[in-house]
Amino acid sequence: AELHVGAGFALRTLAQAAAEAKSGDTVVVH
């Protein structure tokens, strides 16, 4: 999956994104 983190997204903190991300995922940091 591609996850997005930043203002205006469901994931607003890096910690939230890290808790959600699984192996193989890409996290796009805005």
All heavy atoms as atom14 arrays in JSON, in Angstrom:
{
  "sequence": "AELHVGAGFALRTLAQAAAEAKSGDTVVVH",
  "atom14_mask": [
    [1, 1, 1, 1, 1, 0, 0, 0, 0, 0, 0, 0, 0, 0],
    [1, 1, 1, 1, 1, 1, 1, 1, 1, 0, 0, 0, 0, 0],
    [1, 1, 1, 1, 1, 1, 1, 1, 0, 0, 0, 0, 0, 0],
    [1, 1, 1, 1, 1, 1, 1, 1, 1, 1, 0, 0, 0, 0],
    [1, 1, 1, 1, 1, 1, 1, 0, 0, 0, 0, 0, 0, 0],
    [1, 1, 1, 1, 0, 0, 0, 0, 0, 0, 0, 0, 0, 0],
    [1, 1, 1, 1, 1, 0, 0, 0, 0, 0, 0, 0, 0, 0],
    [1, 1, 1, 1, 0, 0, 0, 0, 0, 0, 0, 0, 0, 0],
    [1, 1, 1, 1, 1, 1, 1, 1, 1, 1, 1, 0, 0, 0],
    [1, 1, 1, 1, 1, 0, 0, 0, 0, 0, 0, 0, 0, 0],
    [1, 1, 1, 1, 1, 1, 1, 1, 0, 0, 0, 0, 0, 0],
    [1, 1, 1, 1, 1, 1, 1, 1, 1, 1, 1, 0, 0, 0],
    [1, 1, 1, 1, 1, 1, 1, 0, 0, 0, 0, 0, 0, 0],
    [1, 1, 1, 1, 1, 1, 1, 1, 0, 0, 0, 0, 0, 0],
    [1, 1, 1, 1, 1, 0, 0, 0, 0, 0, 0, 0, 0, 0],
    [1, 1, 1, 1, 1, 1, 1, 1, 1, 0, 0, 0, 0, 0],
    [1, 1, 1, 1, 1, 0, 0, 0, 0, 0, 0, 0, 0, 0],
    [1, 1, 1, 1, 1, 0, 0, 0, 0, 0, 0, 0, 0, 0],
    [1, 1, 1, 1, 1, 0, 0, 0, 0, 0, 0, 0, 0, 0],
    [1, 1, 1, 1, 1, 1, 1, 1, 1, 0, 0, 0, 0, 0],
    [1, 1, 1, 1, 1, 0, 0, 0, 0, 0, 0, 0, 0, 0],
    [1, 1, 1, 1, 1, 1, 1, 1, 1, 0, 0, 0, 0, 0],
    [1, 1, 1, 1, 1, 1, 0, 0, 0, 0, 0, 0, 0, 0],
    [1, 1, 1, 1, 0, 0, 0, 0, 0, 0, 0, 0, 0, 0],
    [1, 1, 1, 1, 1, 1, 1, 1, 0, 0, 0, 0, 0, 0],
    [1, 1, 1, 1, 1, 1, 1, 0, 0, 0, 0, 0, 0, 0],
    [1, 1, 1, 1, 1, 1, 1, 0, 0, 0, 0, 0, 0, 0],
    [1, 1, 1, 1, 1, 1, 1, 0, 0, 0, 0, 0, 0, 0],
    [1, 1, 1, 1, 1, 1, 1, 0, 0, 0, 0, 0, 0, 0],
    [1, 1, 1, 1, 1, 1, 1, 1, 1, 1, 0, 0, 0, 0]
  ],
  "atom14_positions": [
    [[0.83, -1.2, 0.0], [0.0, 0.0, 0.0], [0.87, 1.25, 0.0], [2.04, 1.21, 0.39], [-0.92, 0.0, 1.21], [0.0, 0.0, 0.0], [0.0, 0.0, 0.0], [0.0, 0.0, 0.0], [0.0, 0.0, 0.0], [0.0, 0.0, 0.0], [0.0, 0.0, 0.0], [0.0, 0.0, 0.0], [0.0, 0.0, 0.0], [0.0, 0.0, 0.0]],
    [[0.27, 2.36, -0.45], [0.91, 3.67, -0.35], [0.13, 4.48, 0.68], [-1.05, 4.76, 0.51], [0.92, 4.38, -1.69], [1.65, 5.72, -1.65], [1.8, 6.35, -3.02], [2.77, 6.01, -3.72], [0.93, 7.18, -3.38], [0.0, 0.0, 0.0], [0.0, 0.0, 0.0], [0.0, 0.0, 0.0], [0.0, 0.0, 0.0], [0.0, 0.0, 0.0]],
    [[0.81, 4.85, 1.75], [0.21, 5.63, 2.82], [0.7, 7.06, 2.73], [1.84, 7.32, 2.32], [0.57, 5.04, 4.18], [0.34, 3.54, 4.37], [0.81, 3.1, 5.74], [-1.13, 3.19, 4.15], [0.0, 0.0, 0.0], [0.0, 0.0, 0.0], [0.0, 0.0, 0.0], [0.0, 0.0, 0.0], [0.0, 0.0, 0.0], [0.0, 0.0, 0.0]],
    [[-0.13, 8.01, 3.15], [0.24, 9.42, 3.15], [0.15, 9.97, 4.57], [-0.83, 9.69, 5.28], [-0.68, 10.21, 2.21], [-0.47, 9.88, 0.77], [0.24, 10.69, -0.09], [-0.85, 8.8, 0.03], [0.27, 10.14, -1.3], [-0.39, 8.99, -1.25], [0.0, 0.0, 0.0], [0.0, 0.0, 0.0], [0.0, 0.0, 0.0], [0.0, 0.0, 0.0]],
    [[1.15, 10.75, 4.94], [1.17, 11.34, 6.27], [1.42, 12.84, 6.15], [2.22, 13.29, 5.33], [2.25, 10.68, 7.17], [3.64, 10.8, 6.56], [2.23, 11.26, 8.57], [0.0, 0.0, 0.0], [0.0, 0.0, 0.0], [0.0, 0.0, 0.0], [0.0, 0.0, 0.0], [0.0, 0.0, 0.0], [0.0, 0.0, 0.0], [0.0, 0.0, 0.0]],
    [[0.7, 13.62, 6.95], [0.86, 15.06, 6.95], [-0.45, 15.76, 7.23], [-1.5, 15.12, 7.42], [0.0, 0.0, 0.0], [0.0, 0.0, 0.0], [0.0, 0.0, 0.0], [0.0, 0.0, 0.0], [0.0, 0.0, 0.0], [0.0, 0.0, 0.0], [0.0, 0.0, 0.0], [0.0, 0.0, 0.0], [0.0, 0.0, 0.0], [0.0, 0.0, 0.0]],
    [[-0.41, 17.08, 7.24], [-1.62, 17.88, 7.48], [-2.64, 17.6, 6.38], [-2.31, 17.54, 5.2], [-1.25, 19.37, 7.5], [0.0, 0.0, 0.0], [0.0, 0.0, 0.0], [0.0, 0.0, 0.0], [0.0, 0.0, 0.0], [0.0, 0.0, 0.0], [0.0, 0.0, 0.0], [0.0, 0.0, 0.0], [0.0, 0.0, 0.0], [0.0, 0.0, 0.0]],
    [[-3.88, 17.39, 6.79], [-4.95, 17.13, 5.84], [-5.14, 15.66, 5.51], [-6.04, 15.31, 4.74], [0.0, 0.0, 0.0], [0.0, 0.0, 0.0], [0.0, 0.0, 0.0], [0.0, 0.0, 0.0], [0.0, 0.0, 0.0], [0.0, 0.0, 0.0], [0.0, 0.0, 0.0], [0.0, 0.0, 0.0], [0.0, 0.0, 0.0], [0.0, 0.0, 0.0]],
    [[-4.32, 14.78, 6.1], [-4.46, 13.34, 5.87], [-4.88, 12.65, 7.16], [-4.71, 13.18, 8.26], [-3.14, 12.76, 5.35], [-2.75, 13.25, 3.99], [-1.97, 14.4, 3.85], [-3.19, 12.6, 2.85], [-1.63, 14.87, 2.6], [-2.85, 13.07, 1.59], [-2.07, 14.2, 1.46], [0.0, 0.0, 0.0], [0.0, 0.0, 0.0], [0.0, 0.0, 0.0]],
    [[-5.4, 11.45, 7.01], [-5.84, 10.7, 8.2], [-4.67, 10.41, 9.13], [-4.81, 10.43, 10.36], [-6.51, 9.4, 7.77], [0.0, 0.0, 0.0], [0.0, 0.0, 0.0], [0.0, 0.0, 0.0], [0.0, 0.0, 0.0], [0.0, 0.0, 0.0], [0.0, 0.0, 0.0], [0.0, 0.0, 0.0], [0.0, 0.0, 0.0], [0.0, 0.0, 0.0]],
    [[-3.5, 10.14, 8.55], [-2.28, 9.95, 9.34], [-1.55, 11.29, 9.43], [-1.05, 11.8, 8.44], [-1.39, 8.89, 8.69], [-2.02, 7.51, 8.49], [-1.1, 6.61, 7.68], [-2.34, 6.88, 9.83], [0.0, 0.0, 0.0], [0.0, 0.0, 0.0], [0.0, 0.0, 0.0], [0.0, 0.0, 0.0], [0.0, 0.0, 0.0], [0.0, 0.0, 0.0]],
    [[-1.5, 11.84, 10.62], [-0.94, 13.19, 10.77], [0.46, 13.19, 11.39], [1.17, 14.18, 11.31], [-1.88, 14.05, 11.63], [-3.26, 14.22, 11.0], [-4.14, 15.1, 11.87], [-3.62, 16.45, 12.01], [-3.86, 17.44, 11.16], [-4.6, 17.22, 10.08], [-3.35, 18.64, 11.36], [0.0, 0.0, 0.0], [0.0, 0.0, 0.0], [0.0, 0.0, 0.0]],
    [[0.85, 12.09, 12.02], [2.16, 12.01, 12.66], [2.95, 10.84, 12.09], [2.39, 9.87, 11.57], [2.05, 11.86, 14.18], [1.54, 10.54, 14.49], [1.12, 12.92, 14.77], [0.0, 0.0, 0.0], [0.0, 0.0, 0.0], [0.0, 0.0, 0.0], [0.0, 0.0, 0.0], [0.0, 0.0, 0.0], [0.0, 0.0, 0.0], [0.0, 0.0, 0.0]],
    [[4.26, 10.92, 12.23], [5.12, 9.83, 11.78], [4.86, 8.56, 12.59], [4.9, 7.45, 12.05], [6.58, 10.24, 11.9], [6.99, 11.48, 11.12], [8.45, 11.83, 11.42], [6.78, 11.29, 9.62], [0.0, 0.0, 0.0], [0.0, 0.0, 0.0], [0.0, 0.0, 0.0], [0.0, 0.0, 0.0], [0.0, 0.0, 0.0], [0.0, 0.0, 0.0]],
    [[4.59, 8.72, 13.88], [4.31, 7.57, 14.72], [3.04, 6.85, 14.27], [2.98, 5.62, 14.25], [4.19, 8.0, 16.18], [0.0, 0.0, 0.0], [0.0, 0.0, 0.0], [0.0, 0.0, 0.0], [0.0, 0.0, 0.0], [0.0, 0.0, 0.0], [0.0, 0.0, 0.0], [0.0, 0.0, 0.0], [0.0, 0.0, 0.0], [0.0, 0.0, 0.0]],
    [[2.02, 7.61, 13.89], [0.79, 6.99, 13.39], [1.06, 6.22, 12.1], [0.57, 5.1, 11.91], [-0.28, 8.06, 13.16], [-0.86, 8.66, 14.41], [-1.79, 9.82, 14.12], [-1.7, 10.46, 13.08], [-2.68, 10.1, 15.06], [0.0, 0.0, 0.0], [0.0, 0.0, 0.0], [0.0, 0.0, 0.0], [0.0, 0.0, 0.0], [0.0, 0.0, 0.0]],
    [[1.86, 6.82, 11.22], [2.18, 6.16, 9.96], [3.0, 4.9, 10.19], [2.78, 3.87, 9.55], [2.92, 7.12, 9.04], [0.0, 0.0, 0.0], [0.0, 0.0, 0.0], [0.0, 0.0, 0.0], [0.0, 0.0, 0.0], [0.0, 0.0, 0.0], [0.0, 0.0, 0.0], [0.0, 0.0, 0.0], [0.0, 0.0, 0.0], [0.0, 0.0, 0.0]],
    [[3.96, 4.95, 11.12], [4.79, 3.79, 11.42], [3.95, 2.66, 12.02], [4.2, 1.48, 11.74], [5.91, 4.18, 12.37], [0.0, 0.0, 0.0], [0.0, 0.0, 0.0], [0.0, 0.0, 0.0], [0.0, 0.0, 0.0], [0.0, 0.0, 0.0], [0.0, 0.0, 0.0], [0.0, 0.0, 0.0], [0.0, 0.0, 0.0], [0.0, 0.0, 0.0]],
    [[2.96, 3.0, 12.82], [2.09, 1.98, 13.41], [1.22, 1.31, 12.36], [0.83, 0.14, 12.49], [1.24, 2.6, 14.5], [0.0, 0.0, 0.0], [0.0, 0.0, 0.0], [0.0, 0.0, 0.0], [0.0, 0.0, 0.0], [0.0, 0.0, 0.0], [0.0, 0.0, 0.0], [0.0, 0.0, 0.0], [0.0, 0.0, 0.0], [0.0, 0.0, 0.0]],
    [[0.89, 2.04, 11.29], [0.0, 1.55, 10.25], [0.75, 0.79, 9.15], [0.21, -0.14, 8.54], [-0.74, 2.73, 9.63], [-1.82, 2.37, 8.63], [-3.09, 1.83, 9.29], [-3.25, 2.04, 10.51], [-3.9, 1.21, 8.58], [0.0, 0.0, 0.0], [0.0, 0.0, 0.0], [0.0, 0.0, 0.0], [0.0, 0.0, 0.0], [0.0, 0.0, 0.0]],
    [[1.99, 1.17, 8.88], [2.74, 0.65, 7.74], [3.14, -0.81, 7.94], [3.55, -1.22, 9.04], [3.97, 1.49, 7.48], [0.0, 0.0, 0.0], [0.0, 0.0, 0.0], [0.0, 0.0, 0.0], [0.0, 0.0, 0.0], [0.0, 0.0, 0.0], [0.0, 0.0, 0.0], [0.0, 0.0, 0.0], [0.0, 0.0, 0.0], [0.0, 0.0, 0.0]],
    [[3.03, -1.59, 6.87], [3.43, -2.99, 6.86], [4.59, -3.18, 5.87], [4.83, -2.33, 5.01], [2.25, -3.87, 6.44], [0.98, -3.69, 7.26], [1.16, -4.19, 8.68], [-0.18, -4.26, 9.43], [-0.81, -2.92, 9.57], [0.0, 0.0, 0.0], [0.0, 0.0, 0.0], [0.0, 0.0, 0.0], [0.0, 0.0, 0.0], [0.0, 0.0, 0.0]],
    [[5.26, -4.29, 5.98], [6.36, -4.59, 5.07], [5.88, -4.53, 3.63], [4.84, -5.1, 3.28], [6.92, -5.98, 5.38], [8.0, -6.28, 4.52], [0.0, 0.0, 0.0], [0.0, 0.0, 0.0], [0.0, 0.0, 0.0], [0.0, 0.0, 0.0], [0.0, 0.0, 0.0], [0.0, 0.0, 0.0], [0.0, 0.0, 0.0], [0.0, 0.0, 0.0]],
    [[6.62, -3.83, 2.8], [6.26, -3.63, 1.41], [5.54, -2.33, 1.13], [5.38, -1.93, -0.03], [0.0, 0.0, 0.0], [0.0, 0.0, 0.0], [0.0, 0.0, 0.0], [0.0, 0.0, 0.0], [0.0, 0.0, 0.0], [0.0, 0.0, 0.0], [0.0, 0.0, 0.0], [0.0, 0.0, 0.0], [0.0, 0.0, 0.0], [0.0, 0.0, 0.0]],
    [[5.09, -1.65, 2.18], [4.37, -0.38, 2.02], [5.33, 0.77, 1.79], [6.49, 0.76, 2.23], [3.53, -0.07, 3.26], [2.32, -0.98, 3.41], [2.04, -1.74, 2.47], [1.68, -0.93, 4.48], [0.0, 0.0, 0.0], [0.0, 0.0, 0.0], [0.0, 0.0, 0.0], [0.0, 0.0, 0.0], [0.0, 0.0, 0.0], [0.0, 0.0, 0.0]],
    [[4.83, 1.81, 1.1], [5.54, 3.07, 0.94], [4.78, 4.16, 1.68], [3.56, 4.29, 1.52], [5.66, 3.46, -0.55], [6.48, 2.49, -1.21], [6.29, 4.84, -0.71], [0.0, 0.0, 0.0], [0.0, 0.0, 0.0], [0.0, 0.0, 0.0], [0.0, 0.0, 0.0], [0.0, 0.0, 0.0], [0.0, 0.0, 0.0], [0.0, 0.0, 0.0]],
    [[5.48, 4.92, 2.5], [4.88, 6.04, 3.22], [5.36, 7.33, 2.56], [6.56, 7.61, 2.52], [5.26, 6.03, 4.71], [4.61, 7.21, 5.42], [4.84, 4.71, 5.36], [0.0, 0.0, 0.0], [0.0, 0.0, 0.0], [0.0, 0.0, 0.0], [0.0, 0.0, 0.0], [0.0, 0.0, 0.0], [0.0, 0.0, 0.0], [0.0, 0.0, 0.0]],
    [[4.43, 8.11, 2.05], [4.72, 9.39, 1.42], [4.57, 10.48, 2.5], [3.49, 10.67, 3.05], [3.79, 9.67, 0.23], [4.09, 11.03, -0.38], [3.92, 8.57, -0.81], [0.0, 0.0, 0.0], [0.0, 0.0, 0.0], [0.0, 0.0, 0.0], [0.0, 0.0, 0.0], [0.0, 0.0, 0.0], [0.0, 0.0, 0.0], [0.0, 0.0, 0.0]],
    [[5.67, 11.18, 2.77], [5.68, 12.2, 3.81], [5.5, 13.56, 3.15], [6.33, 13.98, 2.33], [6.99, 12.16, 4.62], [6.93, 13.16, 5.77], [7.24, 10.74, 5.16], [0.0, 0.0, 0.0], [0.0, 0.0, 0.0], [0.0, 0.0, 0.0], [0.0, 0.0, 0.0], [0.0, 0.0, 0.0], [0.0, 0.0, 0.0], [0.0, 0.0, 0.0]],
    [[4.43, 14.25, 3.51], [4.13, 15.55, 2.9], [4.83, 16.68, 3.65], [5.2, 16.54, 4.81], [2.62, 15.75, 2.84], [1.95, 14.84, 1.84], [1.72, 15.23, 0.54], [1.53, 13.55, 1.94], [1.15, 14.23, -0.12], [1.03, 13.19, 0.71], [0.0, 0.0, 0.0], [0.0, 0.0, 0.0], [0.0, 0.0, 0.0], [0.0, 0.0, 0.0]]
  ]
}
